Amino acid sequence: MSRGDDSRIDPADYSALSNFLRGYLHEDSALEYESPRAAAQAFRKDADERETSIVRSELDHLLQVTSAVPESQLIRILADQLGCRRHFRTRKEVEQLRDALK
């Protein structure tokens, strides 16, 4: 993924992550969870270790393939291509979400 492209990813490569984002970081998630970390903790209680591991792995991979793009592009990918409706301001916040899935 280069700086000059439109930072498109194939959402099919991130289906578990997208399901997590749509299910736990949706439009009303701020009413249900005080933070993305709290949403991740709720997911860990609801999901088995295998499912949690897949989501964490997909998020880690996304962070790797977007490491050279501006934070704003990563945030747009999460929202526009993967269905996240909770607003992240920085890459570090997204990394903290990944870490909360451990």
PDB file of N, CA and C in Angstrom:
ATOM      1  N   MET A   1       0.863  -1.170   0.000  1.00  0.00           N
ATOM      2  CA  MET A   1       0.000   0.000   0.000  1.00  0.00           C
ATOM      3  C   MET A   1       0.906   1.229   0.000  1.00  0.00           C
ATOM      4  N   SER A   2       0.846   2.003  -1.026  1.00  0.00           N
ATOM      5  CA  SER A   2       1.709   3.183  -1.115  1.00  0.00           C
ATOM      6  C   SER A   2       0.931   4.437  -0.765  1.00  0.00           C
ATOM      7  N   ARG A   3       1.663   5.501  -0.511  1.00  0.00           N
ATOM      8  CA  ARG A   3       1.027   6.774  -0.170  1.00  0.00           C
ATOM      9  C   ARG A   3       0.160   7.298  -1.305  1.00  0.00           C
ATOM     10  N   GLY A   4       0.510   6.965  -2.537  1.00  0.00           N
ATOM     11  CA  GLY A   4      -0.208   7.514  -3.671  1.00  0.00           C
ATOM     12  C   GLY A   4      -1.520   6.824  -3.985  1.00  0.00           C
ATOM     13  N   ASP A   5      -1.746   5.635  -3.434  1.00  0.00           N
ATOM     14  CA  ASP A   5      -2.992   4.955  -3.756  1.00  0.00           C
ATOM     15  C   ASP A   5      -4.116   5.440  -2.848  1.00  0.00           C
ATOM     16  N   ASP A   6      -5.286   4.877  -3.055  1.00  0.00           N
ATOM     17  CA  ASP A   6      -6.423   5.335  -2.262  1.00  0.00           C
ATOM     18  C   ASP A   6      -6.580   4.517  -0.983  1.00  0.00           C
ATOM     19  N   SER A   7      -5.562   3.753  -0.647  1.00  0.00           N
ATOM     20  CA  SER A   7      -5.533   2.960   0.585  1.00  0.00           C
ATOM     21  C   SER A   7      -6.690   1.978   0.662  1.00  0.00           C
ATOM     22  N   ARG A   8      -7.033   1.399  -0.460  1.00  0.00           N
ATOM     23  CA  ARG A   8      -8.086   0.392  -0.477  1.00  0.00           C
ATOM     24  C   ARG A   8      -7.510  -0.923   0.040  1.00  0.00           C
ATOM     25  N   ILE A   9      -8.287  -1.568   0.835  1.00  0.00           N
ATOM     26  CA  ILE A   9      -7.949  -2.909   1.273  1.00  0.00           C
ATOM     27  C   ILE A   9      -9.099  -3.795   0.818  1.00  0.00           C
ATOM     28  N   ASP A  10      -8.890  -5.074   0.843  1.00  0.00           N
ATOM     29  CA  ASP A  10      -9.969  -5.992   0.499  1.00  0.00           C
ATOM     30  C   ASP A  10     -10.694  -6.359   1.788  1.00  0.00           C
ATOM     31  N   PRO A  11     -11.907  -5.846   1.982  1.00  0.00           N
ATOM     32  CA  PRO A  11     -12.633  -6.136   3.218  1.00  0.00           C
ATOM     33  C   PRO A  11     -12.796  -7.633   3.490  1.00  0.00           C
ATOM     34  N   ALA A  12     -12.787  -8.452   2.440  1.00  0.00           N
ATOM     35  CA  ALA A  12     -12.905  -9.901   2.632  1.00  0.00           C
ATOM     36  C   ALA A  12     -11.731 -10.461   3.433  1.00  0.00           C
ATOM     37  N   ASP A  13     -10.598  -9.771   3.382  1.00  0.00           N
ATOM     38  CA  ASP A  13      -9.427 -10.202   4.154  1.00  0.00           C
ATOM     39  C   ASP A  13      -9.569  -9.875   5.636  1.00  0.00           C
ATOM     40  N   TYR A  14     -10.575  -9.100   5.973  1.00  0.00           N
ATOM     41  CA  TYR A  14     -10.760  -8.625   7.347  1.00  0.00           C
ATOM     42  C   TYR A  14     -12.195  -8.868   7.819  1.00  0.00           C
ATOM     43  N   SER A  15     -12.771  -9.983   7.431  1.00  0.00           N
ATOM     44  CA  SER A  15     -14.188 -10.217   7.735  1.00  0.00           C
ATOM     45  C   SER A  15     -14.453 -10.352   9.235  1.00  0.00           C
ATOM     46  N   ALA A  16     -13.585 -11.014   9.971  1.00  0.00           N
ATOM     47  CA  ALA A  16     -13.792 -11.138  11.421  1.00  0.00           C
ATOM     48  C   ALA A  16     -13.646  -9.782  12.096  1.00  0.00           C
ATOM     49  N   LEU A  17     -12.657  -9.010  11.666  1.00  0.00           N
ATOM     50  CA  LEU A  17     -12.459  -7.667  12.213  1.00  0.00           C
ATOM     51  C   LEU A  17     -13.667  -6.790  11.912  1.00  0.00           C
ATOM     52  N   SER A  18     -14.149  -6.846  10.685  1.00  0.00           N
ATOM     53  CA  SER A  18     -15.316  -6.048  10.310  1.00  0.00           C
ATOM     54  C   SER A  18     -16.541  -6.436  11.139  1.00  0.00           C
ATOM     55  N   ASN A  19     -16.743  -7.728  11.344  1.00  0.00           N
ATOM     56  CA  ASN A  19     -17.871  -8.176  12.175  1.00  0.00           C
ATOM     57  C   ASN A  19     -17.741  -7.644  13.593  1.00  0.00           C
ATOM     58  N   PHE A  20     -16.536  -7.680  14.146  1.00  0.00           N
ATOM     59  CA  PHE A  20     -16.301  -7.136  15.486  1.00  0.00           C
ATOM     60  C   PHE A  20     -16.595  -5.635  15.518  1.00  0.00           C
ATOM     61  N   LEU A  21     -16.055  -4.893  14.555  1.00  0.00           N
ATOM     62  CA  LEU A  21     -16.249  -3.441  14.536  1.00  0.00           C
ATOM     63  C   LEU A  21     -17.727  -3.086  14.408  1.00  0.00           C
ATOM     64  N   ARG A  22     -18.432  -3.766  13.520  1.00  0.00           N
ATOM     65  CA  ARG A  22     -19.858  -3.486  13.318  1.00  0.00           C
ATOM     66  C   ARG A  22     -20.695  -3.899  14.532  1.00  0.00           C
ATOM     67  N   GLY A  23     -20.258  -4.928  15.216  1.00  0.00           N
ATOM     68  CA  GLY A  23     -21.024  -5.426  16.351  1.00  0.00           C
ATOM     69  C   GLY A  23     -20.737  -4.736  17.670  1.00  0.00           C
ATOM     70  N   TYR A  24     -19.508  -4.233  17.830  1.00  0.00           N
ATOM     71  CA  TYR A  24     -19.112  -3.667  19.121  1.00  0.00           C
ATOM     72  C   TYR A  24     -18.724  -2.190  19.061  1.00  0.00           C
ATOM     73  N   LEU A  25     -18.375  -1.691  17.892  1.00  0.00           N
ATOM     74  CA  LEU A  25     -18.013  -0.273  17.759  1.00  0.00           C
ATOM     75  C   LEU A  25     -18.932   0.392  16.737  1.00  0.00           C
ATOM     76  N   HIS A  26     -20.213   0.195  16.923  1.00  0.00           N
ATOM     77  CA  HIS A  26     -21.256   0.727  16.047  1.00  0.00           C
ATOM     78  C   HIS A  26     -21.665   2.130  16.498  1.00  0.00           C
ATOM     79  N   GLU A  27     -22.701   2.684  15.871  1.00  0.00           N
ATOM     80  CA  GLU A  27     -23.137   4.058  16.139  1.00  0.00           C
ATOM     81  C   GLU A  27     -23.465   4.314  17.608  1.00  0.00           C
ATOM     82  N   ASP A  28     -24.044   3.347  18.275  1.00  0.00           N
ATOM     83  CA  ASP A  28     -24.467   3.523  19.665  1.00  0.00           C
ATOM     84  C   ASP A  28     -23.484   2.943  20.677  1.00  0.00           C
ATOM     85  N   SER A  29     -22.310   2.562  20.217  1.00  0.00           N
ATOM     86  CA  SER A  29     -21.367   1.893  21.123  1.00  0.00           C
ATOM     87  C   SER A  29     -20.929   2.782  22.280  1.00  0.00           C
ATOM     88  N   ALA A  30     -20.905   4.089  22.082  1.00  0.00           N
ATOM     89  CA  ALA A  30     -20.510   4.991  23.177  1.00  0.00           C
ATOM     90  C   ALA A  30     -21.516   4.943  24.323  1.00  0.00           C
ATOM     91  N   LEU A  31     -22.759   4.576  24.020  1.00  0.00           N
ATOM     92  CA  LEU A  31     -23.771   4.430  25.068  1.00  0.00           C
ATOM     93  C   LEU A  31     -23.609   3.108  25.822  1.00  0.00           C
ATOM     94  N   GLU A  32     -23.075   2.109  25.137  1.00  0.00           N
ATOM     95  CA  GLU A  32     -22.914   0.784  25.736  1.00  0.00           C
ATOM     96  C   GLU A  32     -21.569   0.598  26.426  1.00  0.00           C
ATOM     97  N   TYR A  33     -20.529   1.177  25.848  1.00  0.00           N
ATOM     98  CA  TYR A  33     -19.164   0.975  26.350  1.00  0.00           C
ATOM     99  C   TYR A  33     -18.493   2.330  26.513  1.00  0.00           C
ATOM    100  N   GLU A  34     -17.820   2.524  27.622  1.00  0.00           N
ATOM    101  CA  GLU A  34     -17.188   3.824  27.860  1.00  0.00           C
ATOM    102  C   GLU A  34     -15.983   4.076  26.960  1.00  0.00           C
ATOM    103  N   SER A  35     -15.441   3.017  26.372  1.00  0.00           N
ATOM    104  CA  SER A  35     -14.265   3.169  25.516  1.00  0.00           C
ATOM    105  C   SER A  35     -14.178   1.986  24.557  1.00  0.00           C
ATOM    106  N   PRO A  36     -13.384   2.130  23.497  1.00  0.00           N
ATOM    107  CA  PRO A  36     -13.133   0.977  22.637  1.00  0.00           C
ATOM    108  C   PRO A  36     -12.517  -0.189  23.415  1.00  0.00           C
ATOM    109  N   ARG A  37     -11.688   0.116  24.398  1.00  0.00           N
ATOM    110  CA  ARG A  37     -11.095  -0.940  25.235  1.00  0.00           C
ATOM    111  C   ARG A  37     -12.195  -1.730  25.953  1.00  0.00           C
ATOM    112  N   ALA A  38     -13.194  -1.033  26.485  1.00  0.00           N
ATOM    113  CA  ALA A  38     -14.310  -1.710  27.157  1.00  0.00           C
ATOM    114  C   ALA A  38     -15.097  -2.571  26.170  1.00  0.00           C
ATOM    115  N   ALA A  39     -15.251  -2.097  24.946  1.00  0.00           N
ATOM    116  CA  ALA A  39     -15.930  -2.890  23.917  1.00  0.00           C
ATOM    117  C   ALA A  39     -15.126  -4.151  23.612  1.00  0.00           C
ATOM    118  N   ALA A  40     -13.809  -4.013  23.538  1.00  0.00           N
ATOM    119  CA  ALA A  40     -12.946  -5.175  23.294  1.00  0.00           C
ATOM    120  C   ALA A  40     -13.054  -6.178  24.434  1.00  0.00           C
ATOM    121  N   GLN A  41     -13.121  -5.691  25.649  1.00  0.00           N
ATOM    122  CA  GLN A  41     -13.256  -6.585  26.803  1.00  0.00           C
ATOM    123  C   GLN A  41     -14.595  -7.324  26.767  1.00  0.00           C
ATOM    124  N   ALA A  42     -15.652  -6.633  26.368  1.00  0.00           N
ATOM    125  CA  ALA A  42     -16.962  -7.283  26.236  1.00  0.00           C
ATOM    126  C   ALA A  42     -16.914  -8.358  25.150  1.00  0.00           C
ATOM    127  N   PHE A  43     -16.263  -8.045  24.047  1.00  0.00           N
ATOM    128  CA  PHE A  43     -16.114  -9.016  22.964  1.00  0.00           C
ATOM    129  C   PHE A  43     -15.366 -10.252  23.456  1.00  0.00           C
ATOM    130  N   ARG A  44     -14.300 -10.040  24.209  1.00  0.00           N
ATOM    131  CA  ARG A  44     -13.518 -11.174  24.727  1.00  0.00           C
ATOM    132  C   ARG A  44     -14.367 -12.072  25.622  1.00  0.00           C
ATOM    133  N   LYS A  45     -15.306 -11.494  26.347  1.00  0.00           N
ATOM    134  CA  LYS A  45     -16.197 -12.306  27.191  1.00  0.00           C
ATOM    135  C   LYS A  45     -17.193 -13.095  26.345  1.00  0.00           C
ATOM    136  N   ASP A  46     -17.632 -12.488  25.237  1.00  0.00           N
ATOM    137  CA  ASP A  46     -18.646 -13.110  24.385  1.00  0.00           C
ATOM    138  C   ASP A  46     -18.070 -14.132  23.405  1.00  0.00           C
ATOM    139  N   ALA A  47     -16.859 -13.908  22.943  1.00  0.00           N
ATOM    140  CA  ALA A  47     -16.257 -14.735  21.895  1.00  0.00           C
ATOM    141  C   ALA A  47     -15.321 -15.777  22.504  1.00  0.00           C
ATOM    142  N   ASP A  48     -15.077 -16.821  21.745  1.00  0.00           N
ATOM    143  CA  ASP A  48     -14.093 -17.791  22.211  1.00  0.00           C
ATOM    144  C   ASP A  48     -12.686 -17.305  21.846  1.00  0.00           C
ATOM    145  N   GLU A  49     -11.684 -17.976  22.368  1.00  0.00           N
ATOM    146  CA  GLU A  49     -10.297 -17.543  22.167  1.00  0.00           C
ATOM    147  C   GLU A  49      -9.907 -17.558  20.694  1.00  0.00           C
ATOM    148  N   ARG A  50     -10.408 -18.521  19.944  1.00  0.00           N
ATOM    149  CA  ARG A  50     -10.087 -18.607  18.515  1.00  0.00           C
ATOM    150  C   ARG A  50     -10.601 -17.372  17.774  1.00  0.00           C
ATOM    151  N   GLU A  51     -11.846 -17.019  18.017  1.00  0.00           N
ATOM    152  CA  GLU A  51     -12.435 -15.856  17.346  1.00  0.00           C
ATOM    153  C   GLU A  51     -11.704 -14.571  17.745  1.00  0.00           C
ATOM    154  N   THR A  52     -11.404 -14.437  19.021  1.00  0.00           N
ATOM    155  CA  THR A  52     -10.666 -13.263  19.496  1.00  0.00           C
ATOM    156  C   THR A  52      -9.300 -13.186  18.832  1.00  0.00           C
ATOM    157  N   SER A  53      -8.629 -14.318  18.720  1.00  0.00           N
ATOM    158  CA  SER A  53      -7.310 -14.368  18.098  1.00  0.00           C
ATOM    159  C   SER A  53      -7.363 -13.955  16.630  1.00  0.00           C
ATOM    160  N   ILE A  54      -8.398 -14.377  15.927  1.00  0.00           N
ATOM    161  CA  ILE A  54      -8.547 -14.012  14.512  1.00  0.00           C
ATOM    162  C   ILE A  54      -8.749 -12.507  14.373  1.00  0.00           C
ATOM    163  N   VAL A  55      -9.619 -11.933  15.184  1.00  0.00           N
ATOM    164  CA  VAL A  55      -9.867 -10.486  15.122  1.00  0.00           C
ATOM    165  C   VAL A  55      -8.581  -9.727  15.433  1.00  0.00           C
ATOM    166  N   ARG A  56      -7.886 -10.134  16.474  1.00  0.00           N
ATOM    167  CA  ARG A  56      -6.631  -9.478  16.849  1.00  0.00           C
ATOM    168  C   ARG A  56      -5.606  -9.591  15.718  1.00  0.00           C
ATOM    169  N   SER A  57      -5.510 -10.757  15.116  1.00  0.00           N
ATOM    170  CA  SER A  57      -4.569 -10.976  14.016  1.00  0.00           C
ATOM    171  C   SER A  57      -4.915 -10.105  12.807  1.00  0.00           C
ATOM    172  N   GLU A  58      -6.194 -10.018  12.470  1.00  0.00           N
ATOM    173  CA  GLU A  58      -6.602  -9.179  11.336  1.00  0.00           C
ATOM    174  C   GLU A  58      -6.320  -7.708  11.617  1.00  0.00           C
ATOM    175  N   LEU A  59      -6.560  -7.263  12.837  1.00  0.00           N
ATOM    176  CA  LEU A  59      -6.274  -5.869  13.182  1.00  0.00           C
ATOM    177  C   LEU A  59      -4.774  -5.616  13.158  1.00  0.00           C
ATOM    178  N   ASP A  60      -3.999  -6.556  13.654  1.00  0.00           N
ATOM    179  CA  ASP A  60      -2.547  -6.422  13.619  1.00  0.00           C
ATOM    180  C   ASP A  60      -2.054  -6.350  12.172  1.00  0.00           C
ATOM    181  N   HIS A  61      -2.605  -7.192  11.311  1.00  0.00           N
ATOM    182  CA  HIS A  61      -2.219  -7.169   9.899  1.00  0.00           C
ATOM    183  C   HIS A  61      -2.590  -5.833   9.256  1.00  0.00           C
ATOM    184  N   LEU A  62      -3.775  -5.328   9.553  1.00  0.00           N
ATOM    185  CA  LEU A  62      -4.190  -4.031   9.013  1.00  0.00           C
ATOM    186  C   LEU A  62      -3.225  -2.931   9.452  1.00  0.00           C
ATOM    187  N   LEU A  63      -2.838  -2.955  10.706  1.00  0.00           N
ATOM    188  CA  LEU A  63      -1.881  -1.952  11.196  1.00  0.00           C
ATOM    189  C   LEU A  63      -0.545  -2.077  10.471  1.00  0.00           C
ATOM    190  N   GLN A  64      -0.132  -3.294  10.169  1.00  0.00           N
ATOM    191  CA  GLN A  64       1.128  -3.492   9.450  1.00  0.00           C
ATOM    192  C   GLN A  64       1.052  -2.962   8.026  1.00  0.00           C
ATOM    193  N   VAL A  65      -0.020  -3.301   7.309  1.00  0.00           N
ATOM    194  CA  VAL A  65      -0.098  -2.894   5.899  1.00  0.00           C
ATOM    195  C   VAL A  65      -0.387  -1.405   5.733  1.00  0.00           C
ATOM    196  N   THR A  66      -0.818  -0.749   6.790  1.00  0.00           N
ATOM    197  CA  THR A  66      -1.073   0.696   6.721  1.00  0.00           C
ATOM    198  C   THR A  66      -0.015   1.500   7.470  1.00  0.00           C
ATOM    199  N   SER A  67       1.085   0.867   7.815  1.00  0.00           N
ATOM    200  CA  SER A  67       2.098   1.550   8.629  1.00  0.00           C
ATOM    201  C   SER A  67       2.709   2.761   7.931  1.00  0.00           C
ATOM    202  N   ALA A  68       2.698   2.777   6.606  1.00  0.00           N
ATOM    203  CA  ALA A  68       3.311   3.886   5.873  1.00  0.00           C
ATOM    204  C   ALA A  68       2.311   4.960   5.447  1.00  0.00           C
ATOM    205  N   VAL A  69       1.046   4.785   5.780  1.00  0.00           N
ATOM    206  CA  VAL A  69       0.049   5.775   5.374  1.00  0.00           C
ATOM    207  C   VAL A  69      -0.289   6.680   6.554  1.00  0.00           C
ATOM    208  N   PRO A  70      -0.791   7.868   6.277  1.00  0.00           N
ATOM    209  CA  PRO A  70      -1.185   8.769   7.370  1.00  0.00           C
ATOM    210  C   PRO A  70      -2.283   8.150   8.240  1.00  0.00           C
ATOM    211  N   GLU A  71      -2.301   8.547   9.497  1.00  0.00           N
ATOM    212  CA  GLU A  71      -3.320   8.064  10.437  1.00  0.00           C
ATOM    213  C   GLU A  71      -4.724   8.259   9.888  1.00  0.00           C
ATOM    214  N   SER A  72      -4.940   9.379   9.232  1.00  0.00           N
ATOM    215  CA  SER A  72      -6.283   9.677   8.723  1.00  0.00           C
ATOM    216  C   SER A  72      -6.748   8.617   7.731  1.00  0.00           C
ATOM    217  N   GLN A  73      -5.837   8.055   6.951  1.00  0.00           N
ATOM    218  CA  GLN A  73      -6.228   7.009   6.004  1.00  0.00           C
ATOM    219  C   GLN A  73      -6.588   5.718   6.733  1.00  0.00           C
ATOM    220  N   LEU A  74      -5.833   5.373   7.757  1.00  0.00           N
ATOM    221  CA  LEU A  74      -6.169   4.195   8.558  1.00  0.00           C
ATOM    222  C   LEU A  74      -7.565   4.356   9.156  1.00  0.00           C
ATOM    223  N   ILE A  75      -7.834   5.515   9.696  1.00  0.00           N
ATOM    224  CA  ILE A  75      -9.130   5.771  10.328  1.00  0.00           C
ATOM    225  C   ILE A  75     -10.261   5.699   9.298  1.00  0.00           C
ATOM    226  N   ARG A  76     -10.012   6.216   8.085  1.00  0.00           N
ATOM    227  CA  ARG A  76     -11.018   6.121   7.011  1.00  0.00           C
ATOM    228  C   ARG A  76     -11.259   4.668   6.608  1.00  0.00           C
ATOM    229  N   ILE A  77     -10.194   3.880   6.541  1.00  0.00           N
ATOM    230  CA  ILE A  77     -10.351   2.460   6.202  1.00  0.00           C
ATOM    231  C   ILE A  77     -11.247   1.774   7.228  1.00  0.00           C
ATOM    232  N   LEU A  78     -10.972   2.029   8.501  1.00  0.00           N
ATOM    233  CA  LEU A  78     -11.787   1.421   9.562  1.00  0.00           C
ATOM    234  C   LEU A  78     -13.260   1.798   9.404  1.00  0.00           C
ATOM    235  N   ALA A  79     -13.520   3.055   9.111  1.00  0.00           N
ATOM    236  CA  ALA A  79     -14.901   3.533   9.012  1.00  0.00           C
ATOM    237  C   ALA A  79     -15.550   3.153   7.683  1.00  0.00           C
ATOM    238  N   ASP A  80     -14.909   3.508   6.590  1.00  0.00           N
ATOM    239  CA  ASP A  80     -15.539   3.382   5.277  1.00  0.00           C
ATOM    240  C   ASP A  80     -15.535   1.964   4.725  1.00  0.00           C
ATOM    241  N   GLN A  81     -14.496   1.204   5.023  1.00  0.00           N
ATOM    242  CA  GLN A  81     -14.381  -0.123   4.425  1.00  0.00           C
ATOM    243  C   GLN A  81     -14.693  -1.262   5.395  1.00  0.00           C
ATOM    244  N   LEU A  82     -14.566  -0.989   6.699  1.00  0.00           N
ATOM    245  CA  LEU A  82     -14.763  -2.067   7.668  1.00  0.00           C
ATOM    246  C   LEU A  82     -15.928  -1.831   8.624  1.00  0.00           C
ATOM    247  N   GLY A  83     -16.586  -0.686   8.527  1.00  0.00           N
ATOM    248  CA  GLY A  83     -17.818  -0.468   9.270  1.00  0.00           C
ATOM    249  C   GLY A  83     -17.696   0.033  10.695  1.00  0.00           C
ATOM    250  N   CYS A  84     -16.525   0.502  11.085  1.00  0.00           N
ATOM    251  CA  CYS A  84     -16.354   1.029  12.441  1.00  0.00           C
ATOM    252  C   CYS A  84     -17.029   2.393  12.542  1.00  0.00           C
ATOM    253  N   ARG A  85     -17.862   2.586  13.551  1.00  0.00           N
ATOM    254  CA  ARG A  85     -18.535   3.867  13.736  1.00  0.00           C
ATOM    255  C   ARG A  85     -18.056   4.601  14.980  1.00  0.00           C
ATOM    256  N   ARG A  86     -17.138   4.017  15.704  1.00  0.00           N
ATOM    257  CA  ARG A  86     -16.513   4.700  16.844  1.00  0.00           C
ATOM    258  C   ARG A  86     -15.313   5.451  16.291  1.00  0.00           C
ATOM    259  N   HIS A  87     -15.199   6.723  16.568  1.00  0.00           N
ATOM    260  CA  HIS A  87     -14.146   7.536  15.966  1.00  0.00           C
ATOM    261  C   HIS A  87     -12.825   7.381  16.711  1.00  0.00           C
ATOM    262  N   PHE A  88     -11.815   6.974  15.972  1.00  0.00           N
ATOM    263  CA  PHE A  88     -10.448   6.952  16.488  1.00  0.00           C
ATOM    264  C   PHE A  88      -9.752   8.209  16.008  1.00  0.00           C
ATOM    265  N   ARG A  89      -8.911   8.786  16.842  1.00  0.00           N
ATOM    266  CA  ARG A  89      -8.179   9.997  16.463  1.00  0.00           C
ATOM    267  C   ARG A  89      -6.749   9.710  16.049  1.00  0.00           C
ATOM    268  N   THR A  90      -6.176   8.618  16.568  1.00  0.00           N
ATOM    269  CA  THR A  90      -4.771   8.326  16.288  1.00  0.00           C
ATOM    270  C   THR A  90      -4.559   6.833  16.046  1.00  0.00           C
ATOM    271  N   ARG A  91      -3.452   6.521  15.406  1.00  0.00           N
ATOM    272  CA  ARG A  91      -3.042   5.127  15.220  1.00  0.00           C
ATOM    273  C   ARG A  91      -2.828   4.458  16.578  1.00  0.00           C
ATOM    274  N   LYS A  92      -2.290   5.211  17.526  1.00  0.00           N
ATOM    275  CA  LYS A  92      -2.043   4.664  18.866  1.00  0.00           C
ATOM    276  C   LYS A  92      -3.340   4.153  19.491  1.00  0.00           C
ATOM    277  N   GLU A  93      -4.440   4.862  19.308  1.00  0.00           N
ATOM    278  CA  GLU A  93      -5.729   4.397  19.834  1.00  0.00           C
ATOM    279  C   GLU A  93      -6.135   3.068  19.198  1.00  0.00           C
ATOM    280  N   VAL A  94      -5.865   2.915  17.909  1.00  0.00           N
ATOM    281  CA  VAL A  94      -6.175   1.658  17.223  1.00  0.00           C
ATOM    282  C   VAL A  94      -5.262   0.549  17.750  1.00  0.00           C
ATOM    283  N   GLU A  95      -4.000   0.875  17.983  1.00  0.00           N
ATOM    284  CA  GLU A  95      -3.071  -0.101  18.559  1.00  0.00           C
ATOM    285  C   GLU A  95      -3.523  -0.518  19.957  1.00  0.00           C
ATOM    286  N   GLN A  96      -4.060   0.418  20.717  1.00  0.00           N
ATOM    287  CA  GLN A  96      -4.564   0.095  22.057  1.00  0.00           C
ATOM    288  C   GLN A  96      -5.765  -0.842  21.971  1.00  0.00           C
ATOM    289  N   LEU A  97      -6.596  -0.664  20.956  1.00  0.00           N
ATOM    290  CA  LEU A  97      -7.708  -1.585  20.743  1.00  0.00           C
ATOM    291  C   LEU A  97      -7.167  -2.987  20.475  1.00  0.00           C
ATOM    292  N   ARG A  98      -6.196  -3.083  19.590  1.00  0.00           N
ATOM    293  CA  ARG A  98      -5.579  -4.387  19.303  1.00  0.00           C
ATOM    294  C   ARG A  98      -5.041  -5.017  20.585  1.00  0.00           C
ATOM    295  N   ASP A  99      -4.341  -4.220  21.380  1.00  0.00           N
ATOM    296  CA  ASP A  99      -3.750  -4.737  22.616  1.00  0.00           C
ATOM    297  C   ASP A  99      -4.813  -5.186  23.614  1.00  0.00           C
ATOM    298  N   ALA A 100      -5.968  -4.541  23.597  1.00  0.00           N
ATOM    299  CA  ALA A 100      -7.055  -4.925  24.503  1.00  0.00           C
ATOM    300  C   ALA A 100      -7.670  -6.267  24.112  1.00  0.00           C
ATOM    301  N   LEU A 101      -7.389  -6.714  22.909  1.00  0.00           N
ATOM    302  CA  LEU A 101      -7.898  -8.004  22.452  1.00  0.00           C
ATOM    303  C   LEU A 101      -6.973  -9.159  22.834  1.00  0.00           C
ATOM    304  N   LYS A 102      -5.912  -8.871  23.572  1.00  0.00           N
ATOM    305  CA  LYS A 102      -4.965  -9.923  23.995  1.00  0.00           C
ATOM    306  C   LYS A 102      -5.430 -10.578  25.256  1.00  0.00           C
TER     307      LYS A 102
END
